[in-house]
Amino acid sequence: MSVATDEVPYTIINRGDGVLVVRVHSQTRQGRKLPDTSFTFKPGDPQYESWQRIYNENHPDAPVNTPPSVTEE
């Protein structure tokens, strides 16, 4: 799942293993556009709780910190 709007210059992706990926979108300046930049945050990182709160505000029904389900064979 991700969060992105026209007003927000980033996308937040919940990888499903407790890690959030924040992708900051580049803006065009002087006719040139740089590549986007990505940051990862895991529980315990200083900025993790802030990004988790933003993610949860946009996905109130999507749990964060829930590991992906494992199917037994």
PDB file of N, CA and C in Angstrom:
ATOM      1  N   MET A   1       0.831  -1.171   0.000  1.00  0.00           N
ATOM      2  CA  MET A   1       0.000   0.000   0.000  1.00  0.00           C
ATOM      3  C   MET A   1       0.879   1.238   0.000  1.00  0.00           C
ATOM      4  N   SER A   2       0.382   2.305  -0.580  1.00  0.00           N
ATOM      5  CA  SER A   2       1.160   3.532  -0.612  1.00  0.00           C
ATOM      6  C   SER A   2       0.257   4.732  -0.426  1.00  0.00           C
ATOM      7  N   VAL A   3       0.867   5.838  -0.109  1.00  0.00           N
ATOM      8  CA  VAL A   3       0.165   7.099   0.057  1.00  0.00           C
ATOM      9  C   VAL A   3       0.792   8.077  -0.915  1.00  0.00           C
ATOM     10  N   ALA A   4      -0.013   8.712  -1.740  1.00  0.00           N
ATOM     11  CA  ALA A   4       0.511   9.742  -2.633  1.00  0.00           C
ATOM     12  C   ALA A   4      -0.641  10.628  -3.073  1.00  0.00           C
ATOM     13  N   THR A   5      -0.422  11.923  -3.035  1.00  0.00           N
ATOM     14  CA  THR A   5      -1.403  12.873  -3.546  1.00  0.00           C
ATOM     15  C   THR A   5      -0.652  13.950  -4.308  1.00  0.00           C
ATOM     16  N   ASP A   6      -1.388  14.789  -5.016  1.00  0.00           N
ATOM     17  CA  ASP A   6      -0.753  15.885  -5.744  1.00  0.00           C
ATOM     18  C   ASP A   6      -0.110  16.887  -4.796  1.00  0.00           C
ATOM     19  N   GLU A   7      -0.670  17.023  -3.577  1.00  0.00           N
ATOM     20  CA  GLU A   7      -0.134  17.981  -2.624  1.00  0.00           C
ATOM     21  C   GLU A   7       1.083  17.439  -1.881  1.00  0.00           C
ATOM     22  N   VAL A   8       1.260  16.131  -1.869  1.00  0.00           N
ATOM     23  CA  VAL A   8       2.325  15.514  -1.095  1.00  0.00           C
ATOM     24  C   VAL A   8       3.426  15.041  -2.044  1.00  0.00           C
ATOM     25  N   PRO A   9       4.652  15.534  -1.845  1.00  0.00           N
ATOM     26  CA  PRO A   9       5.734  15.177  -2.767  1.00  0.00           C
ATOM     27  C   PRO A   9       6.422  13.864  -2.425  1.00  0.00           C
ATOM     28  N   TYR A  10       5.702  12.945  -1.790  1.00  0.00           N
ATOM     29  CA  TYR A  10       6.303  11.662  -1.434  1.00  0.00           C
ATOM     30  C   TYR A  10       5.255  10.560  -1.459  1.00  0.00           C
ATOM     31  N   THR A  11       5.724   9.334  -1.476  1.00  0.00           N
ATOM     32  CA  THR A  11       4.880   8.152  -1.392  1.00  0.00           C
ATOM     33  C   THR A  11       5.407   7.315  -0.243  1.00  0.00           C
ATOM     34  N   ILE A  12       4.509   6.779   0.590  1.00  0.00           N
ATOM     35  CA  ILE A  12       4.906   5.889   1.676  1.00  0.00           C
ATOM     36  C   ILE A  12       4.424   4.489   1.322  1.00  0.00           C
ATOM     37  N   ILE A  13       5.341   3.540   1.361  1.00  0.00           N
ATOM     38  CA  ILE A  13       5.015   2.149   1.053  1.00  0.00           C
ATOM     39  C   ILE A  13       5.280   1.303   2.283  1.00  0.00           C
ATOM     40  N   ASN A  14       4.296   0.515   2.673  1.00  0.00           N
ATOM     41  CA  ASN A  14       4.459  -0.441   3.766  1.00  0.00           C
ATOM     42  C   ASN A  14       4.844  -1.765   3.130  1.00  0.00           C
ATOM     43  N   ARG A  15       6.076  -2.208   3.351  1.00  0.00           N
ATOM     44  CA  ARG A  15       6.552  -3.447   2.729  1.00  0.00           C
ATOM     45  C   ARG A  15       5.882  -4.686   3.304  1.00  0.00           C
ATOM     46  N   GLY A  16       5.248  -4.574   4.454  1.00  0.00           N
ATOM     47  CA  GLY A  16       4.587  -5.731   5.038  1.00  0.00           C
ATOM     48  C   GLY A  16       5.451  -6.454   6.053  1.00  0.00           C
ATOM     49  N   ASP A  17       6.724  -6.092   6.159  1.00  0.00           N
ATOM     50  CA  ASP A  17       7.604  -6.724   7.137  1.00  0.00           C
ATOM     51  C   ASP A  17       7.984  -5.740   8.242  1.00  0.00           C
ATOM     52  N   GLY A  18       7.192  -4.675   8.399  1.00  0.00           N
ATOM     53  CA  GLY A  18       7.448  -3.674   9.420  1.00  0.00           C
ATOM     54  C   GLY A  18       8.294  -2.515   8.932  1.00  0.00           C
ATOM     55  N   VAL A  19       8.762  -2.563   7.699  1.00  0.00           N
ATOM     56  CA  VAL A  19       9.604  -1.502   7.145  1.00  0.00           C
ATOM     57  C   VAL A  19       8.755  -0.580   6.279  1.00  0.00           C
ATOM     58  N   LEU A  20       8.965   0.718   6.461  1.00  0.00           N
ATOM     59  CA  LEU A  20       8.307   1.717   5.621  1.00  0.00           C
ATOM     60  C   LEU A  20       9.328   2.268   4.643  1.00  0.00           C
ATOM     61  N   VAL A  21       8.927   2.400   3.387  1.00  0.00           N
ATOM     62  CA  VAL A  21       9.773   3.009   2.366  1.00  0.00           C
ATOM     63  C   VAL A  21       9.131   4.344   2.016  1.00  0.00           C
ATOM     64  N   VAL A  22       9.888   5.418   2.178  1.00  0.00           N
ATOM     65  CA  VAL A  22       9.407   6.751   1.846  1.00  0.00           C
ATOM     66  C   VAL A  22      10.146   7.185   0.589  1.00  0.00           C
ATOM     67  N   ARG A  23       9.393   7.378  -0.467  1.00  0.00           N
ATOM     68  CA  ARG A  23       9.976   7.790  -1.749  1.00  0.00           C
ATOM     69  C   ARG A  23       9.644   9.260  -1.964  1.00  0.00           C
ATOM     70  N   VAL A  24      10.674  10.098  -1.996  1.00  0.00           N
ATOM     71  CA  VAL A  24      10.512  11.537  -2.181  1.00  0.00           C
ATOM     72  C   VAL A  24      10.634  11.818  -3.673  1.00  0.00           C
ATOM     73  N   HIS A  25       9.572  12.395  -4.229  1.00  0.00           N
ATOM     74  CA  HIS A  25       9.524  12.652  -5.660  1.00  0.00           C
ATOM     75  C   HIS A  25      10.285  13.925  -6.015  1.00  0.00           C
ATOM     76  N   SER A  26      11.060  13.850  -7.057  1.00  0.00           N
ATOM     77  CA  SER A  26      11.855  14.979  -7.528  1.00  0.00           C
ATOM     78  C   SER A  26      10.968  15.984  -8.241  1.00  0.00           C
ATOM     79  N   GLN A  27      11.388  17.231  -8.175  1.00  0.00           N
ATOM     80  CA  GLN A  27      10.696  18.280  -8.904  1.00  0.00           C
ATOM     81  C   GLN A  27      11.587  18.749 -10.049  1.00  0.00           C
ATOM     82  N   THR A  28      10.966  19.218 -11.098  1.00  0.00           N
ATOM     83  CA  THR A  28      11.725  19.745 -12.229  1.00  0.00           C
ATOM     84  C   THR A  28      12.186  21.157 -11.899  1.00  0.00           C
ATOM     85  N   ARG A  29      13.479  21.370 -12.053  1.00  0.00           N
ATOM     86  CA  ARG A  29      14.052  22.699 -11.815  1.00  0.00           C
ATOM     87  C   ARG A  29      14.968  23.049 -12.970  1.00  0.00           C
ATOM     88  N   GLN A  30      14.774  24.211 -13.510  1.00  0.00           N
ATOM     89  CA  GLN A  30      15.554  24.698 -14.638  1.00  0.00           C
ATOM     90  C   GLN A  30      15.542  23.693 -15.793  1.00  0.00           C
ATOM     91  N   GLY A  31      14.382  23.077 -16.000  1.00  0.00           N
ATOM     92  CA  GLY A  31      14.211  22.150 -17.109  1.00  0.00           C
ATOM     93  C   GLY A  31      14.786  20.762 -16.883  1.00  0.00           C
ATOM     94  N   ARG A  32      15.310  20.509 -15.688  1.00  0.00           N
ATOM     95  CA  ARG A  32      15.892  19.189 -15.402  1.00  0.00           C
ATOM     96  C   ARG A  32      15.178  18.553 -14.225  1.00  0.00           C
ATOM     97  N   LYS A  33      15.014  17.253 -14.289  1.00  0.00           N
ATOM     98  CA  LYS A  33      14.398  16.521 -13.191  1.00  0.00           C
ATOM     99  C   LYS A  33      15.384  15.474 -12.701  1.00  0.00           C
ATOM    100  N   LEU A  34      15.687  15.517 -11.421  1.00  0.00           N
ATOM    101  CA  LEU A  34      16.562  14.534 -10.815  1.00  0.00           C
ATOM    102  C   LEU A  34      15.777  13.274 -10.496  1.00  0.00           C
ATOM    103  N   PRO A  35      16.442  12.151 -10.273  1.00  0.00           N
ATOM    104  CA  PRO A  35      15.728  10.924  -9.886  1.00  0.00           C
ATOM    105  C   PRO A  35      15.089  11.089  -8.506  1.00  0.00           C
ATOM    106  N   ASP A  36      14.046  10.308  -8.255  1.00  0.00           N
ATOM    107  CA  ASP A  36      13.440  10.277  -6.926  1.00  0.00           C
ATOM    108  C   ASP A  36      14.441   9.688  -5.939  1.00  0.00           C
ATOM    109  N   THR A  37      14.228   9.973  -4.665  1.00  0.00           N
ATOM    110  CA  THR A  37      15.071   9.446  -3.598  1.00  0.00           C
ATOM    111  C   THR A  37      14.212   8.599  -2.679  1.00  0.00           C
ATOM    112  N   SER A  38      14.736   7.478  -2.195  1.00  0.00           N
ATOM    113  CA  SER A  38      14.000   6.607  -1.282  1.00  0.00           C
ATOM    114  C   SER A  38      14.746   6.451   0.036  1.00  0.00           C
ATOM    115  N   PHE A  39      13.976   6.424   1.100  1.00  0.00           N
ATOM    116  CA  PHE A  39      14.502   6.190   2.442  1.00  0.00           C
ATOM    117  C   PHE A  39      13.718   5.045   3.059  1.00  0.00           C
ATOM    118  N   THR A  40      14.375   4.204   3.838  1.00  0.00           N
ATOM    119  CA  THR A  40      13.674   3.140   4.547  1.00  0.00           C
ATOM    120  C   THR A  40      13.764   3.402   6.045  1.00  0.00           C
ATOM    121  N   PHE A  41      12.684   3.073   6.726  1.00  0.00           N
ATOM    122  CA  PHE A  41      12.617   3.228   8.174  1.00  0.00           C
ATOM    123  C   PHE A  41      12.061   1.951   8.771  1.00  0.00           C
ATOM    124  N   LYS A  42      12.720   1.440   9.799  1.00  0.00           N
ATOM    125  CA  LYS A  42      12.261   0.245  10.491  1.00  0.00           C
ATOM    126  C   LYS A  42      11.969   0.610  11.934  1.00  0.00           C
ATOM    127  N   PRO A  43      11.164  -0.203  12.627  1.00  0.00           N
ATOM    128  CA  PRO A  43      10.866   0.105  14.026  1.00  0.00           C
ATOM    129  C   PRO A  43      12.157   0.327  14.811  1.00  0.00           C
ATOM    130  N   GLY A  44      12.160   1.396  15.609  1.00  0.00           N
ATOM    131  CA  GLY A  44      13.333   1.747  16.389  1.00  0.00           C
ATOM    132  C   GLY A  44      14.130   2.880  15.774  1.00  0.00           C
ATOM    133  N   ASP A  45      13.966   3.128  14.474  1.00  0.00           N
ATOM    134  CA  ASP A  45      14.644   4.250  13.837  1.00  0.00           C
ATOM    135  C   ASP A  45      14.027   5.558  14.341  1.00  0.00           C
ATOM    136  N   PRO A  46      14.823   6.621  14.465  1.00  0.00           N
ATOM    137  CA  PRO A  46      14.320   7.878  15.031  1.00  0.00           C
ATOM    138  C   PRO A  46      13.085   8.453  14.329  1.00  0.00           C
ATOM    139  N   GLN A  47      12.974   8.353  13.011  1.00  0.00           N
ATOM    140  CA  GLN A  47      11.839   8.953  12.298  1.00  0.00           C
ATOM    141  C   GLN A  47      10.714   7.961  12.011  1.00  0.00           C
ATOM    142  N   TYR A  48      10.874   6.711  12.416  1.00  0.00           N
ATOM    143  CA  TYR A  48       9.894   5.682  12.064  1.00  0.00           C
ATOM    144  C   TYR A  48       8.485   6.031  12.544  1.00  0.00           C
ATOM    145  N   GLU A  49       8.358   6.426  13.799  1.00  0.00           N
ATOM    146  CA  GLU A  49       7.024   6.688  14.343  1.00  0.00           C
ATOM    147  C   GLU A  49       6.315   7.820  13.612  1.00  0.00           C
ATOM    148  N   SER A  50       7.050   8.843  13.193  1.00  0.00           N
ATOM    149  CA  SER A  50       6.429   9.946  12.450  1.00  0.00           C
ATOM    150  C   SER A  50       5.869   9.474  11.117  1.00  0.00           C
ATOM    151  N   TRP A  51       6.661   8.699  10.373  1.00  0.00           N
ATOM    152  CA  TRP A  51       6.199   8.190   9.072  1.00  0.00           C
ATOM    153  C   TRP A  51       5.091   7.155   9.256  1.00  0.00           C
ATOM    154  N   GLN A  52       5.156   6.362  10.318  1.00  0.00           N
ATOM    155  CA  GLN A  52       4.099   5.385  10.592  1.00  0.00           C
ATOM    156  C   GLN A  52       2.783   6.102  10.865  1.00  0.00           C
ATOM    157  N   ARG A  53       2.830   7.200  11.628  1.00  0.00           N
ATOM    158  CA  ARG A  53       1.619   7.972  11.923  1.00  0.00           C
ATOM    159  C   ARG A  53       1.011   8.530  10.638  1.00  0.00           C
ATOM    160  N   ILE A  54       1.851   9.092   9.766  1.00  0.00           N
ATOM    161  CA  ILE A  54       1.358   9.631   8.495  1.00  0.00           C
ATOM    162  C   ILE A  54       0.738   8.515   7.656  1.00  0.00           C
ATOM    163  N   TYR A  55       1.410   7.374   7.599  1.00  0.00           N
ATOM    164  CA  TYR A  55       0.875   6.241   6.839  1.00  0.00           C
ATOM    165  C   TYR A  55      -0.476   5.809   7.410  1.00  0.00           C
ATOM    166  N   ASN A  56      -0.553   5.664   8.734  1.00  0.00           N
ATOM    167  CA  ASN A  56      -1.797   5.214   9.382  1.00  0.00           C
ATOM    168  C   ASN A  56      -2.939   6.201   9.169  1.00  0.00           C
ATOM    169  N   GLU A  57      -2.641   7.501   9.147  1.00  0.00           N
ATOM    170  CA  GLU A  57      -3.684   8.505   8.913  1.00  0.00           C
ATOM    171  C   GLU A  57      -4.326   8.330   7.539  1.00  0.00           C
ATOM    172  N   ASN A  58      -3.547   7.865   6.586  1.00  0.00           N
ATOM    173  CA  ASN A  58      -4.054   7.685   5.228  1.00  0.00           C
ATOM    174  C   ASN A  58      -4.573   6.277   4.962  1.00  0.00           C
ATOM    175  N   HIS A  59      -4.261   5.347   5.853  1.00  0.00           N
ATOM    176  CA  HIS A  59      -4.719   3.957   5.742  1.00  0.00           C
ATOM    177  C   HIS A  59      -5.155   3.473   7.119  1.00  0.00           C
ATOM    178  N   PRO A  60      -6.270   3.981   7.644  1.00  0.00           N
ATOM    179  CA  PRO A  60      -6.671   3.620   9.012  1.00  0.00           C
ATOM    180  C   PRO A  60      -6.965   2.137   9.211  1.00  0.00           C
ATOM    181  N   ASP A  61      -7.298   1.422   8.150  1.00  0.00           N
ATOM    182  CA  ASP A  61      -7.611   0.001   8.281  1.00  0.00           C
ATOM    183  C   ASP A  61      -6.436  -0.905   7.930  1.00  0.00           C
ATOM    184  N   ALA A  62      -5.279  -0.326   7.607  1.00  0.00           N
ATOM    185  CA  ALA A  62      -4.112  -1.123   7.227  1.00  0.00           C
ATOM    186  C   ALA A  62      -3.131  -1.183   8.388  1.00  0.00           C
ATOM    187  N   PRO A  63      -2.957  -2.357   8.977  1.00  0.00           N
ATOM    188  CA  PRO A  63      -2.023  -2.455  10.101  1.00  0.00           C
ATOM    189  C   PRO A  63      -0.582  -2.288   9.644  1.00  0.00           C
ATOM    190  N   VAL A  64       0.189  -1.571  10.437  1.00  0.00           N
ATOM    191  CA  VAL A  64       1.625  -1.430  10.211  1.00  0.00           C
ATOM    192  C   VAL A  64       2.303  -2.269  11.276  1.00  0.00           C
ATOM    193  N   ASN A  65       3.452  -2.814  10.961  1.00  0.00           N
ATOM    194  CA  ASN A  65       4.206  -3.688  11.861  1.00  0.00           C
ATOM    195  C   ASN A  65       3.648  -5.093  11.889  1.00  0.00           C
ATOM    196  N   THR A  66       2.817  -5.456  10.956  1.00  0.00           N
ATOM    197  CA  THR A  66       2.308  -6.812  10.876  1.00  0.00           C
ATOM    198  C   THR A  66       3.116  -7.573   9.846  1.00  0.00           C
ATOM    199  N   PRO A  67       3.818  -8.621  10.279  1.00  0.00           N
ATOM    200  CA  PRO A  67       4.605  -9.368   9.286  1.00  0.00           C
ATOM    201  C   PRO A  67       3.705 -10.030   8.263  1.00  0.00           C
ATOM    202  N   PRO A  68       4.208 -10.272   7.074  1.00  0.00           N
ATOM    203  CA  PRO A  68       3.392 -10.937   6.064  1.00  0.00           C
ATOM    204  C   PRO A  68       3.006 -12.326   6.529  1.00  0.00           C
ATOM    205  N   SER A  69       1.826 -12.756   6.125  1.00  0.00           N
ATOM    206  CA  SER A  69       1.373 -14.077   6.518  1.00  0.00           C
ATOM    207  C   SER A  69       2.216 -15.148   5.842  1.00  0.00           C
ATOM    208  N   VAL A  70       2.463 -16.204   6.574  1.00  0.00           N
ATOM    209  CA  VAL A  70       3.261 -17.313   6.057  1.00  0.00           C
ATOM    210  C   VAL A  70       2.336 -18.493   5.867  1.00  0.00           C
ATOM    211  N   THR A  71       2.346 -19.061   4.684  1.00  0.00           N
ATOM    212  CA  THR A  71       1.510 -20.213   4.399  1.00  0.00           C
ATOM    213  C   THR A  71       2.324 -21.480   4.587  1.00  0.00           C
ATOM    214  N   GLU A  72       1.813 -22.381   5.416  1.00  0.00           N
ATOM    215  CA  GLU A  72       2.502 -23.653   5.618  1.00  0.00           C
ATOM    216  C   GLU A  72       2.131 -24.611   4.508  1.00  0.00           C
ATOM    217  N   GLU A  73       3.091 -25.375   4.051  1.00  0.00           N
ATOM    218  CA  GLU A  73       2.823 -26.321   2.961  1.00  0.00           C
ATOM    219  C   GLU A  73       2.629 -27.706   3.511  1.00  0.00           C
TER     220      GLU A  73
END
